[in-house]
Structures are given as C-alpha cells and as structure tokens.
C-alpha cells in the first residue's frame, strides 16, 4: 500500500527544516506551541511555530481537502501565484516546503510552510518604534496594497495579522491568498478592492488607528492607486462604502478572527482559546474540545439548564470562568452559537463597548461552547431590586442610582451608534460590577447594521422596558435613561414616536411571554397525566 503523505522542500531550506523536525508538517501534535492566525471554520488555518536555531520563524498554512487532485491543485496554484507576485516585486513569502497528507479519507490536509525573517511581528501587534514609525509602516502597507491591486491581484486572505513587519520596516504578506483578477487587462474590479480595504480596516485596532488616521491612509491609497485621478471619480464617498462593506463582511462572518491557541482535531471537533486564559484552564484538565463541551465532568458547577443550553461556572486561582454550552448546535459549525458569541465579544471590544474577556470557544460533535472570564458582578435587575428593597434611600444612594441609570443610557447609546443590536437586551444581560461598571453579556444573537436598524433599536429598548416593569423603577428613571440615550435632546416629535413604538413592542413581548408560559404549563400537565 502506497503512502498518501507527500512533502517537497526548497533545496536551500531542506536541511534546516529536517534538522528542526519539520518534515511531518501534517501532524499538529508534533509541532509544539502554535499561534494560529485565522478564523474558525473549515477553511485554511495559519500557525506560527517556535523559532528555528537561526532565528527564522516557521509559518504553517493547513488547508482541508478531500482528494489528491484537489490537494495538488491547491498547492500548485498557491506556488504559481506567489512566484508570479514575487516576479513583479510584490512583497510575499515563498514556501520553503509544501505537500499533502491524505492518509485519512475525508480528512486530508494540504499544507505550505513559510520562513519569516527573525523578529518579524504582525502588523496588529506592533508595540515598539513610536507612533511616527507605526504611522509610516501603515502608509507603506496601503501603498503596497495599491501595487497589488494595480497588478491585477485580489487578496481575500488579507488581515492585519497576515502582514509581517521586520525590524527595519520591510513588509511581507504572510497569507494574502492571492487571486488573479478576471479583468487583468483593465485592472481589478473596484468591489474586490473595497473588500480588501474593508478587511484591513476591520482588523486594525480602533484605538491605535482612529478614524482620522484611516481616512488619511485611504487618501494615500487612492493617490497611489490612481495617480492621474482618472478612475478615482468612481469612488464617491469611499469611506462610507468601506464602512458598509466592513459591516456586511462582519455580519456574514467572513472577516478573519485572531486566536492565540488552537486544537486542530478532526472536522467534528475544534477548540480556540486565548493565551491568557489557557494556562488556568489546562491546569484543571481542559485540554480538548470534548472536555470543554462537558465542563461538569471536570469540576465545573452547573448553574442552570434551559432546553438545549446549560450554563456552568469554574472557580480557579486566577478567577472564575463562565461556560455556556449549546447542545444540538448549528449544522455549519463555523457559524454555531459559540463561534457567533466569540465574534460578538471581539467586535464590541474593538469599538470600546464593555464586555467580559472571552476565553475559549469551539465545538465537539453537535455541541458548541463559549467560555468567558467572569469579572464578578450581578445582573442589573437584581442590583436595582436589592437596592430598592433596602428601604428609604439617602442622598448618596439616590445619586448612585441616578448615575447608574445614566451609565446604562450611555452604554446602550454607544452600542447602537456603533451599529450593533442585541435582540435580547434585558436587564439581566447587563452586569454591574462592584465598581458600578456595566458590561454586556449573552451576545450569540448580536447583529450589526443591515436594513432593519430601526427595528433592532426599538426591539432592544422594548426589551429593557419590559424587564424594568417587574422591578421598582419610576417614570423619572425611565425618562432619565431616555434623555441620556438621546444625548440630552429634548422630547420632540421624534422622541415621542420612539416612545410609542417601544411601548407597543414591549406589550407584544409581554403577550408573547404569557403565551409561552401558558404552553409550558399545558405541556407539563399533559406530561404528568
């Protein structure tokens, strides 16, 4: 029986790679510590391996495939396109080794191994050199991106962490996944250019690279891409177009996400964790996706079980971790509840909306899970209820309550201004810490933008109103929240229309809850009979 594992080396790097034990690039357990740089799902995965003896950094790209012909096409296409880009002087890494492993039917892997320069850093993790040096690096990035587009390439794999920056400021694209445009003679289609710019903008840190600097980078890109200004007229309102494209990509789950550690098992099991939290979880035995999918077996305490979902907590020396496990999860695991919630937490953190730090996500079989670090605190409705049950309030307690109401208004207003909608924004999904800091949780239904922005805003506000009816909140508290939410604007015709829509939707939510409770009681009676 012939072996279905094939590997080829660049002659200049073969001795170095074989000496480092990298002659079996198909087997993840033999690769040591890995830093994947790709989004979850069945697509390609990037892994940063430990540095070699000469300081070079191996980068492994693994691509799922199901047949030898498919593996050969993938590897051959990648090598040809990268050589073509390199011949045009474009910054791209050439593979030092490539091959495929098809020993397991249906679970084959095609792979390419690259060698990055010593001390290279991804663009999103530049922490040295000063702001002026980082600004110059970003300018070089957009200029090189314009060169790629002018040469007829589109870069569907582009992200901030796939651009490696050497200590001298030189750039190389780690995994642009280059594709030649079908319009090679007439330049690249502007929609593909918009997608590349939106992907790069979405993966840059919003605090390090604010909107004003992004606009400057866009102007530099247009000046380099269209030096005569001829076709730039087609880019009317380019920033608005890029923003809309970025939201569409994020809403469809097409933007890459960054992870620190990963377990790359078969397609029925996948685990993504952050480096900060992985050590504490590993000490308690959480090493594979199967163990995360059943946390109670390793000492986690079950909090509640509801239909096909259960919540558990794990107390460690580093703090408390909150587990949310979804049974019978989505068929397409790349868009399961755990992955969607991970995306939601990272998207809100990028815009400065307070959320607990995410720790892990993934799936095992038909079960998906999400783990976050519990910073403490209690649901906001319990905090308000306990505060009112304490009896008469003094001046300090009243000021604290008013400040809490205004903080909630500012949090929801910022949340909606960034284009996000929760769809389950009840007071129990807003946590209040001991320092009166408010954070949002339960983000698996988080939505962004779209054509129903007004509907999403009304539904979130109605959920807050409905959940406040069962706790002692006065009409003054609700007006104080609304005034803060609307930025201090007076109650005009638009504000009254918003109040009417929110109250109407809150009544519908109350009626839906009553019908659902009645069906549940009726089902319990039939079951007991």
Protein backbone atom coordinates (compact mmCIF):
# COMPACT_ATOMS: atom_id res chain seq x y z
CA UNK A 1 0.00 0.00 0.00
CA UNK A 2 1.50 3.31 -1.08
CA UNK A 3 1.80 6.16 1.37
CA UNK A 4 -0.56 9.05 0.85
CA UNK A 5 1.76 11.55 2.52
CA UNK A 6 3.94 13.71 0.23
CA UNK A 7 6.26 16.57 1.15
CA UNK A 8 8.62 18.62 -1.01
CA UNK A 9 11.30 21.07 0.19
CA UNK A 10 13.01 24.10 -1.21
CA UNK A 11 16.63 22.89 -1.64
CA UNK A 12 18.01 25.87 0.31
CA UNK A 13 15.82 25.17 3.36
CA UNK A 14 15.59 21.36 3.36
CA UNK A 15 18.48 20.67 5.74
CA UNK A 16 17.33 23.34 8.20
CA UNK A 17 13.72 22.10 8.28
CA UNK A 18 14.63 18.43 8.59
CA UNK A 19 17.03 19.26 11.41
CA UNK A 20 14.20 21.06 13.25
CA UNK A 21 11.87 18.06 12.88
CA UNK A 22 9.52 19.80 10.46
CA UNK A 23 9.44 17.00 7.90
CA UNK A 24 5.93 15.95 9.02
CA UNK A 25 4.01 19.20 8.69
CA UNK A 26 0.70 17.33 8.61
CA UNK A 27 0.72 16.25 12.27
CA UNK A 28 -0.30 19.09 14.65
CA UNK A 29 0.79 17.37 17.95
CA UNK A 30 4.39 17.22 16.69
CA UNK A 31 4.52 20.97 16.09
CA UNK A 32 4.73 22.18 19.68
CA UNK A 33 3.27 25.55 20.66
CA UNK A 34 1.19 27.10 17.90
CA UNK A 35 -0.23 30.58 17.35
CA UNK A 36 -2.96 30.31 14.71
CA UNK A 37 -3.84 33.48 12.83
CA UNK A 38 -7.07 32.53 11.10
CA UNK A 39 -10.83 32.47 11.56
CA UNK A 40 -12.72 29.37 12.77
CA UNK A 41 -14.41 27.11 10.29
CA UNK A 42 -13.46 24.58 7.67
CA UNK A 43 -11.17 26.92 5.71
CA UNK A 44 -7.37 27.40 5.82
CA UNK A 45 -5.62 27.78 9.18
CA UNK A 46 -2.31 29.57 9.86
CA UNK A 47 0.05 28.54 12.67
CA UNK A 48 3.13 30.30 13.97
CA UNK A 49 5.65 27.69 15.15
CA UNK A 50 8.63 28.05 17.53
CA UNK A 51 11.60 29.88 16.02
CA UNK A 52 14.40 27.88 14.43
CA UNK A 53 18.04 27.91 15.52
CA UNK A 54 18.92 30.74 13.10
CA UNK A 55 16.01 32.87 14.36
CA UNK A 56 13.70 32.37 11.38
CA UNK A 57 10.02 31.90 12.24
CA UNK A 58 8.19 28.97 10.55
CA UNK A 59 4.61 29.71 9.49
CA UNK A 60 2.42 26.71 8.60
CA UNK A 61 -0.67 27.02 6.40
CA UNK A 62 -3.00 23.99 6.54
CA UNK A 63 -5.87 23.66 4.03
CA UNK A 64 -8.54 20.92 4.30
CA UNK A 65 -9.04 18.84 1.15
CA UNK A 66 -10.69 15.53 0.28
CA UNK A 67 -8.85 14.20 -2.78
CA UNK A 68 -5.29 14.01 -4.16
CA UNK A 69 -6.29 16.03 -7.23
CA UNK A 70 -7.72 18.78 -5.02
CA UNK A 71 -4.55 18.87 -2.89
CA UNK A 72 -2.32 19.09 -5.96
CA UNK A 73 -4.40 21.93 -7.41
CA UNK A 74 -4.31 23.87 -4.14
CA UNK A 75 -0.55 23.60 -3.64
CA UNK A 76 0.29 24.20 -7.30
CA UNK A 77 -1.99 27.25 -7.50
CA UNK A 78 -0.54 28.79 -4.35
CA UNK A 79 3.06 28.31 -5.57
CA UNK A 80 2.38 29.69 -9.05
CA UNK A 81 0.58 32.79 -7.78
CA UNK A 82 3.23 33.52 -5.18
CA UNK A 83 6.03 33.18 -7.73
CA UNK A 84 4.11 35.43 -10.11
CA UNK A 85 3.70 38.09 -7.39
CA UNK A 86 7.36 37.78 -6.40
CA UNK A 87 8.47 38.27 -10.03
CA UNK A 88 6.58 41.57 -10.08
CA UNK A 89 8.37 42.79 -6.96
CA UNK A 90 5.35 42.41 -4.67
CA UNK A 91 6.06 41.56 -1.00
CA UNK A 92 5.06 37.93 -0.46
CA UNK A 93 6.57 34.90 1.29
CA UNK A 94 7.55 31.95 -0.90
CA UNK A 95 7.01 28.42 0.52
CA UNK A 96 10.02 26.55 1.89
CA UNK A 97 8.09 23.25 1.99
CA UNK A 98 4.78 22.02 0.65
CA UNK A 99 2.81 18.81 0.36
CA UNK A 100 -0.32 16.94 1.45
CA UNK A 101 -1.48 14.16 3.76
CA UNK A 102 -4.46 12.11 2.57
CA UNK A 103 -3.98 9.06 4.78
CA UNK A 104 -7.39 9.59 6.41
CA UNK A 105 -10.26 9.62 3.86
CA UNK A 106 -12.28 12.81 4.06
CA UNK A 107 -9.83 14.45 6.46
CA UNK A 108 -6.94 15.29 4.12
CA UNK A 109 -4.71 18.31 4.63
CA UNK A 110 -2.70 20.26 2.07
CA UNK A 111 -0.01 22.43 3.64
CA UNK A 112 2.62 25.04 2.86
CA UNK A 113 5.44 26.07 5.22
CA UNK A 114 6.99 29.55 5.07
CA UNK A 115 10.02 31.01 6.81
CA UNK A 116 9.61 34.58 8.09
CA UNK A 117 12.53 36.85 8.96
CA UNK A 118 13.77 36.85 12.58
CA UNK A 119 11.89 39.13 15.00
CA UNK A 120 9.12 39.76 12.49
CA UNK A 121 5.89 40.98 14.08
CA UNK A 122 2.32 41.02 12.75
CA UNK A 123 1.01 44.48 11.95
CA UNK A 124 -1.64 44.41 14.68
CA UNK A 125 0.96 43.73 17.44
CA UNK A 126 3.48 46.48 16.78
CA UNK A 127 4.38 47.90 20.19
CA UNK A 128 7.78 49.50 19.57
CA UNK A 129 9.21 52.19 17.33
CA UNK A 130 6.94 55.05 18.39
CA UNK A 131 3.73 56.35 16.83
CA UNK A 132 5.61 58.03 13.97
CA UNK A 133 7.26 54.77 12.94
CA UNK A 134 3.94 52.89 13.13
CA UNK A 135 2.28 55.57 11.01
CA UNK A 136 4.98 55.21 8.37
CA UNK A 137 4.56 51.41 8.39
CA UNK A 138 0.81 51.81 7.80
CA UNK A 139 1.48 54.18 4.91
CA UNK A 140 3.82 51.62 3.33
CA UNK A 141 1.13 48.95 3.83
CA UNK A 142 -1.53 50.86 1.86
CA UNK A 143 0.99 51.77 -0.84
CA UNK A 144 1.89 48.09 -1.26
CA UNK A 145 -1.79 47.17 -1.30
CA UNK A 146 -2.30 49.65 -4.14
CA UNK A 147 0.54 47.94 -6.02
CA UNK A 148 -1.10 44.54 -5.57
CA UNK A 149 -4.39 45.88 -6.94
CA UNK A 150 -2.70 47.67 -9.84
CA UNK A 151 -1.01 44.37 -10.79
CA UNK A 152 -4.42 42.67 -11.03
CA UNK A 153 -4.41 40.71 -7.75
CA UNK A 154 -7.13 40.49 -5.12
CA UNK A 155 -6.28 39.38 -1.57
CA UNK A 156 -9.20 37.51 0.07
CA UNK A 157 -6.99 36.36 2.96
CA UNK A 158 -5.86 39.89 3.92
CA UNK A 159 -5.90 40.86 7.62
CA UNK A 160 -3.72 42.99 9.89
CA UNK A 161 -2.00 39.93 11.39
CA UNK A 162 -1.16 38.43 7.97
CA UNK A 163 1.19 41.38 7.27
CA UNK A 164 4.61 40.78 8.84
CA UNK A 165 6.81 43.79 9.66
CA UNK A 166 10.55 43.26 10.04
CA UNK A 167 12.61 45.37 12.48
CA UNK A 168 13.84 47.55 9.59
CA UNK A 169 10.29 48.30 8.45
CA UNK A 170 10.23 45.91 5.46
CA UNK A 171 6.94 44.15 4.81
CA UNK A 172 5.95 40.68 3.66
CA UNK A 173 2.45 39.31 3.26
CA UNK A 174 2.10 36.09 5.19
CA UNK A 175 -1.15 34.76 3.74
CA UNK A 176 -2.76 37.10 1.24
CA UNK A 177 -4.22 34.07 -0.62
CA UNK A 178 -3.60 35.98 -3.87
CA UNK A 179 -6.00 35.54 -6.76
CA UNK A 180 -5.66 36.96 -10.25
CA UNK A 181 -8.49 39.20 -11.37
CA UNK A 182 -10.51 38.16 -14.39
CA UNK A 183 -10.18 41.75 -15.60
CA UNK A 184 -6.41 41.50 -15.90
CA UNK A 185 -6.22 43.86 -18.86
CA UNK A 186 -8.43 46.55 -17.35
CA UNK A 187 -7.37 46.45 -13.73
CA UNK A 188 -9.08 44.98 -10.67
CA UNK A 189 -12.83 45.32 -10.09
CA UNK A 190 -13.49 48.07 -7.56
CA UNK A 191 -15.71 45.80 -5.43
CA UNK A 192 -12.78 43.46 -4.78
CA UNK A 193 -10.64 46.46 -3.83
CA UNK A 194 -13.33 47.63 -1.41
CA UNK A 195 -13.41 44.20 0.21
CA UNK A 196 -9.63 44.14 0.72
CA UNK A 197 -9.65 47.66 2.21
CA UNK A 198 -12.60 46.81 4.47
CA UNK A 199 -10.92 43.61 5.72
CA UNK A 200 -7.72 45.52 6.54
CA UNK A 201 -9.65 48.33 8.26
CA UNK A 202 -11.78 45.90 10.29
CA UNK A 203 -8.76 44.03 11.68
CA UNK A 204 -6.84 47.15 12.77
CA UNK A 205 -7.25 48.25 16.38
CA UNK A 206 -9.73 51.14 16.62
CA UNK A 207 -7.82 52.89 19.42
CA UNK A 208 -4.35 52.63 17.86
CA UNK A 209 -5.58 53.61 14.38
CA UNK A 210 -8.52 56.04 14.83
CA UNK A 211 -10.90 57.08 12.07
CA UNK A 212 -8.98 60.24 11.16
CA UNK A 213 -5.80 58.24 10.51
CA UNK A 214 -7.74 55.68 8.48
CA UNK A 215 -9.10 58.45 6.26
CA UNK A 216 -5.54 59.65 5.70
CA UNK A 217 -4.47 56.14 4.76
CA UNK A 218 -7.39 55.87 2.34
CA UNK A 219 -6.38 59.13 0.64
CA UNK A 220 -2.83 57.81 0.28
CA UNK A 221 -4.16 54.59 -1.22
CA UNK A 222 -6.26 56.50 -3.78
CA UNK A 223 -3.31 58.74 -4.68
CA UNK A 224 -1.11 55.69 -5.28
CA UNK A 225 -3.79 53.61 -7.00
CA UNK A 226 -4.98 56.38 -9.35
CA UNK A 227 -2.03 58.79 -9.77
CA UNK A 228 -3.78 60.67 -12.61
CA UNK A 229 -7.07 60.88 -10.69
CA UNK A 230 -8.94 59.36 -13.63
CA UNK A 231 -10.82 56.47 -12.05
CA UNK A 232 -10.97 57.94 -8.57
CA UNK A 233 -14.28 59.55 -9.53
CA UNK A 234 -15.90 56.10 -9.24
CA UNK A 235 -15.01 56.09 -5.53
CA UNK A 236 -17.60 58.64 -4.44
CA UNK A 237 -17.87 58.51 -0.67
CA UNK A 238 -15.19 55.81 -0.40
CA UNK A 239 -15.09 55.75 3.40
CA UNK A 240 -18.84 55.19 3.63
CA UNK A 241 -18.55 52.37 1.08
CA UNK A 242 -15.70 50.74 3.01
CA UNK A 243 -17.64 51.02 6.28
CA UNK A 244 -20.71 49.38 4.73
CA UNK A 245 -18.58 46.63 3.20
CA UNK A 246 -16.87 46.04 6.56
CA UNK A 247 -20.21 45.68 8.32
CA UNK A 248 -21.51 43.30 5.65
CA UNK A 249 -18.41 41.09 5.94
CA UNK A 250 -18.64 41.01 9.74
CA UNK A 251 -22.38 40.31 9.67
CA UNK A 252 -21.86 37.34 7.33
CA UNK A 253 -18.94 36.03 9.40
CA UNK A 254 -16.45 36.48 6.54
CA UNK A 255 -13.87 38.53 8.42
CA UNK A 256 -10.94 36.59 9.92
CA UNK A 257 -10.56 36.42 13.70
CA UNK A 258 -7.35 36.03 15.65
CA UNK A 259 -6.75 33.32 18.24
CA UNK A 260 -3.73 32.54 20.39
CA UNK A 261 -4.03 28.77 20.77
CA UNK A 262 -5.94 26.10 18.89
CA UNK A 263 -6.59 22.38 18.95
CA UNK A 264 -6.81 21.23 15.33
CA UNK A 265 -8.59 17.93 15.60
CA UNK A 266 -10.93 16.31 13.07
CA UNK A 267 -13.69 18.38 11.49
CA UNK A 268 -16.12 17.25 14.23
CA UNK A 269 -14.02 18.88 16.98
CA UNK A 270 -12.38 22.30 17.17
CA UNK A 271 -11.15 24.42 20.10
CA UNK A 272 -9.99 28.05 20.14
CA UNK A 273 -8.61 29.64 23.32
CA UNK A 274 -6.72 32.77 24.32
CA UNK A 275 -3.19 32.54 25.67
CA UNK A 276 -4.02 34.49 28.85
CA UNK A 277 -6.69 32.04 29.99
CA UNK A 278 -5.45 28.75 28.57
CA UNK A 279 -2.93 28.04 31.36
CA UNK A 280 -5.56 28.26 34.12
CA UNK A 281 -7.95 26.02 32.19
CA UNK A 282 -5.27 23.46 31.30
CA UNK A 283 -4.36 23.11 34.99
CA UNK A 284 -7.94 22.00 35.59
CA UNK A 285 -7.81 19.41 32.80
CA UNK A 286 -9.42 21.40 29.97
CA UNK A 287 -7.21 20.45 27.02
CA UNK A 288 -9.55 19.30 24.25
CA UNK A 289 -12.87 20.39 22.81
CA UNK A 290 -14.56 17.30 24.27
CA UNK A 291 -13.67 18.41 27.81
CA UNK A 292 -14.95 21.96 27.19
CA UNK A 293 -18.22 20.53 25.86
CA UNK A 294 -18.76 18.69 29.21
CA UNK A 295 -17.35 21.03 31.90
CA UNK A 296 -19.24 19.45 34.80
CA UNK A 297 -17.11 16.30 34.46
CA UNK A 298 -14.00 18.34 35.41
CA UNK A 299 -15.45 20.15 38.41
CA UNK A 300 -17.49 22.98 36.93
CA UNK A 301 -20.67 23.75 38.84
CA UNK A 302 -23.93 23.66 36.89
CA UNK A 303 -25.89 26.91 37.26
CA UNK A 304 -28.93 26.34 35.08
CA UNK A 305 -30.25 24.17 32.28
CA UNK A 306 -32.73 25.52 29.75
CA UNK A 307 -33.95 23.45 26.80
CA UNK A 308 -30.80 22.66 24.78
CA UNK A 309 -28.48 25.03 26.67
CA UNK A 310 -26.75 24.85 30.04
CA UNK A 311 -24.54 27.26 31.98
CA UNK A 312 -21.76 26.36 34.39
CA UNK A 313 -19.00 28.14 36.33
CA UNK A 314 -15.49 27.04 37.24
CA UNK A 315 -13.58 28.62 40.13
CA UNK A 316 -9.79 28.74 39.71
CA UNK A 317 -6.91 30.51 41.42
CA UNK A 318 -6.90 33.06 38.56
CA UNK A 319 -10.63 33.74 38.85
CA UNK A 320 -13.98 32.38 37.75
CA UNK A 321 -14.79 31.14 34.23
CA UNK A 322 -18.33 31.08 32.86
CA UNK A 323 -19.24 28.21 30.48
CA UNK A 324 -22.15 28.33 28.06
CA UNK A 325 -22.79 25.01 26.28
CA UNK A 326 -25.26 24.68 23.38
CA UNK A 327 -26.42 21.16 22.57
CA UNK A 328 -27.71 20.30 19.08
CA UNK A 329 -25.88 23.32 17.74
CA UNK A 330 -25.91 24.68 14.20
CA UNK A 331 -25.05 22.28 11.41
CA UNK A 332 -22.49 24.66 9.97
CA UNK A 333 -20.08 24.77 12.90
CA UNK A 334 -18.24 27.86 11.64
CA UNK A 335 -21.45 29.78 12.42
CA UNK A 336 -22.51 27.95 15.59
CA UNK A 337 -23.69 29.76 18.71
CA UNK A 338 -20.30 29.60 20.43
CA UNK A 339 -18.43 31.00 17.41
CA UNK A 340 -21.03 33.74 16.88
CA UNK A 341 -20.76 34.82 20.50
CA UNK A 342 -16.94 34.88 20.26
CA UNK A 343 -17.22 37.11 17.18
CA UNK A 344 -19.68 39.36 19.01
CA UNK A 345 -17.41 39.85 22.02
CA UNK A 346 -14.41 40.74 19.85
CA UNK A 347 -16.46 43.07 17.64
CA UNK A 348 -17.75 45.04 20.66
CA UNK A 349 -14.30 45.16 22.27
CA UNK A 350 -12.91 46.72 19.08
CA UNK A 351 -15.41 49.61 19.40
CA UNK A 352 -14.84 50.09 23.12
CA UNK A 353 -18.14 48.57 24.35
CA UNK A 354 -17.57 46.88 27.73
CA UNK A 355 -17.83 43.07 27.72
CA UNK A 356 -16.23 40.30 29.84
CA UNK A 357 -13.00 38.96 28.31
CA UNK A 358 -13.64 35.87 26.13
CA UNK A 359 -11.57 32.80 26.99
CA UNK A 360 -12.49 29.96 24.60
CA UNK A 361 -14.97 28.75 22.01
CA UNK A 362 -15.43 25.84 19.64
CA UNK A 363 -17.47 22.73 19.05
CA UNK A 364 -17.42 18.99 19.62
CA UNK A 365 -19.81 16.94 17.54
CA UNK A 366 -23.19 18.66 17.64
CA UNK A 367 -22.31 20.64 20.81
CA UNK A 368 -20.83 24.14 20.69
CA UNK A 369 -19.50 26.11 23.65
CA UNK A 370 -18.32 29.54 24.70
CA UNK A 371 -16.23 30.39 27.78
CA UNK A 372 -15.65 33.86 29.23
CA UNK A 373 -13.73 35.17 32.22
CA UNK A 374 -16.15 36.23 34.94
CA UNK A 375 -15.11 39.63 36.30
CA UNK A 376 -17.71 39.46 39.04
CA UNK A 377 -20.87 41.45 39.38
CA UNK A 378 -24.58 40.76 39.36
CA UNK A 379 -27.39 41.27 36.84
CA UNK A 380 -28.58 44.86 36.81
CA UNK A 381 -32.19 43.98 37.63
CA UNK A 382 -31.07 42.17 40.81
CA UNK A 383 -28.89 45.14 41.79
CA UNK A 384 -31.81 47.57 41.42
CA UNK A 385 -34.23 45.24 43.19
CA UNK A 386 -31.90 44.77 46.17
CA UNK A 387 -31.27 48.49 46.31
CA UNK A 388 -34.98 49.31 46.50
CA UNK A 389 -35.75 46.57 49.00
CA UNK A 390 -33.29 48.17 51.40
CA UNK A 391 -35.90 50.76 52.39
CA UNK A 392 -35.54 54.54 52.33
CA UNK A 393 -32.59 55.85 50.32
CA UNK A 394 -30.29 58.66 51.37
CA UNK A 395 -28.85 61.32 49.11
CA UNK A 396 -25.76 59.25 48.32
CA UNK A 397 -27.82 56.20 47.31
CA UNK A 398 -30.06 58.36 45.12
CA UNK A 399 -27.05 59.90 43.34
CA UNK A 400 -25.58 56.43 42.83
CA UNK A 401 -28.87 55.19 41.35
CA UNK A 402 -29.13 58.20 39.01
CA UNK A 403 -25.53 57.71 37.87
CA UNK A 404 -26.24 54.03 37.19
CA UNK A 405 -29.26 54.97 35.07
CA UNK A 406 -27.20 57.45 33.04
CA UNK A 407 -24.38 54.91 32.60
CA UNK A 408 -26.90 52.43 31.19
CA UNK A 409 -28.18 55.08 28.78
CA UNK A 410 -24.66 55.88 27.59
CA UNK A 411 -23.77 52.18 27.22
CA UNK A 412 -26.84 51.39 25.09
CA UNK A 413 -26.41 54.59 23.05
CA UNK A 414 -22.78 53.76 22.27
CA UNK A 415 -23.78 50.19 21.46
CA UNK A 416 -26.39 51.35 18.94
CA UNK A 417 -24.23 54.14 17.46
CA UNK A 418 -21.60 51.53 16.57
CA UNK A 419 -24.27 49.76 14.51
CA UNK A 420 -24.91 46.79 16.83
CA UNK A 421 -28.20 45.34 18.09
CA UNK A 422 -28.52 42.78 20.85
CA UNK A 423 -32.00 41.26 20.24
CA UNK A 424 -32.02 40.05 23.90
CA UNK A 425 -31.20 43.28 25.73
CA UNK A 426 -32.95 42.58 29.02
CA UNK A 427 -31.64 44.00 32.28
CA UNK A 428 -30.45 40.52 33.32
CA UNK A 429 -28.00 40.62 30.38
CA UNK A 430 -26.32 43.76 31.73
CA UNK A 431 -23.87 43.01 34.54
CA UNK A 432 -22.99 45.56 37.21
CA UNK A 433 -19.66 45.06 39.00
CA UNK A 434 -18.77 46.24 42.49
CA UNK A 435 -17.30 49.41 40.97
CA UNK A 436 -20.64 50.11 39.21
CA UNK A 437 -19.14 49.24 35.80
CA UNK A 438 -21.72 47.94 33.32
CA UNK A 439 -20.90 45.18 30.81
CA UNK A 440 -22.98 43.38 28.17
CA UNK A 441 -23.26 39.57 28.04
CA UNK A 442 -25.18 36.91 26.07
CA UNK A 443 -24.16 38.05 22.59
CA UNK A 444 -24.93 34.97 20.45
CA UNK A 445 -27.73 36.90 18.68
CA UNK A 446 -25.69 40.07 18.18
CA UNK A 447 -26.49 41.74 14.86
CA UNK A 448 -24.79 44.60 13.05
CA UNK A 449 -26.29 47.16 10.72
CA UNK A 450 -28.45 45.87 7.93
CA UNK A 451 -31.73 47.18 6.57
CA UNK A 452 -33.64 46.83 9.85
CA UNK A 453 -31.68 49.19 12.07
CA UNK A 454 -34.80 50.95 13.39
CA UNK A 455 -36.42 47.62 14.19
CA UNK A 456 -33.31 46.47 16.09
CA UNK A 457 -33.13 49.66 18.13
CA UNK A 458 -36.83 49.54 19.04
CA UNK A 459 -36.59 45.85 19.99
CA UNK A 460 -33.60 46.46 22.30
CA UNK A 461 -35.27 49.40 24.03
CA UNK A 462 -38.54 47.47 24.35
CA UNK A 463 -36.71 44.55 25.98
CA UNK A 464 -35.20 46.96 28.52
CA UNK A 465 -38.62 48.48 29.18
CA UNK A 466 -40.30 45.08 29.61
CA UNK A 467 -37.65 43.82 32.02
CA UNK A 468 -37.96 47.02 34.08
CA UNK A 469 -41.71 46.57 34.67
CA UNK A 470 -41.19 43.86 37.30
CA UNK A 471 -38.75 45.87 39.42
CA UNK A 472 -39.35 49.17 41.24
CA UNK A 473 -38.22 51.67 38.60
CA UNK A 474 -40.03 55.01 38.46
CA UNK A 475 -41.13 57.00 35.42
CA UNK A 476 -38.43 59.55 36.26
CA UNK A 477 -35.77 56.84 35.97
CA UNK A 478 -37.08 55.87 32.51
CA UNK A 479 -37.11 59.50 31.34
CA UNK A 480 -33.60 59.99 32.71
CA UNK A 481 -32.43 56.95 30.75
CA UNK A 482 -34.14 58.16 27.56
CA UNK A 483 -32.65 61.64 27.85
CA UNK A 484 -29.15 60.19 28.26
CA UNK A 485 -29.71 57.73 25.43
CA UNK A 486 -30.73 60.56 23.07
CA UNK A 487 -27.78 62.72 24.07
CA UNK A 488 -29.72 65.20 26.18
CA UNK A 489 -32.08 66.15 23.36
CA UNK A 490 -35.49 67.48 24.36
CA UNK A 491 -38.55 65.30 23.95
CA UNK A 492 -39.70 66.36 20.47
CA UNK A 493 -41.97 64.65 17.95
CA UNK A 494 -39.27 62.10 17.05
CA UNK A 495 -38.75 61.20 20.71
CA UNK A 496 -42.50 60.71 21.26
CA UNK A 497 -42.75 58.49 18.19
CA UNK A 498 -39.86 56.39 19.54
CA UNK A 499 -41.58 56.04 22.94
CA UNK A 500 -44.83 54.90 21.26
CA UNK A 501 -43.01 52.26 19.19
CA UNK A 502 -41.05 51.00 22.20
CA UNK A 503 -44.17 50.73 24.38
CA UNK A 504 -46.07 48.91 21.62
CA UNK A 505 -43.22 46.44 21.17
CA UNK A 506 -42.94 45.93 24.95
CA UNK A 507 -46.63 44.96 25.08
CA UNK A 508 -46.03 42.43 22.30
CA UNK A 509 -43.10 40.95 24.22
CA UNK A 510 -45.25 40.64 27.36
CA UNK A 511 -48.01 38.90 25.40
CA UNK A 512 -45.51 36.52 23.83
CA UNK A 513 -44.06 35.64 27.24
CA UNK A 514 -47.55 34.94 28.62
CA UNK A 515 -48.43 32.65 25.69
CA UNK A 516 -45.16 30.78 26.04
CA UNK A 517 -45.68 30.31 29.79
CA UNK A 518 -49.22 29.00 29.16
CA UNK A 519 -47.94 26.48 26.61
CA UNK A 520 -45.28 25.32 29.07
CA UNK A 521 -47.83 24.79 31.86
CA UNK A 522 -50.15 22.94 29.50
CA UNK A 523 -47.30 20.68 28.38
CA UNK A 524 -46.34 19.90 31.99
CA UNK A 525 -49.94 18.91 32.80
CA UNK A 526 -50.16 16.63 29.77
CA UNK A 527 -46.83 15.05 30.68
CA UNK A 528 -47.90 14.36 34.27
CA UNK A 529 -51.19 12.90 33.07
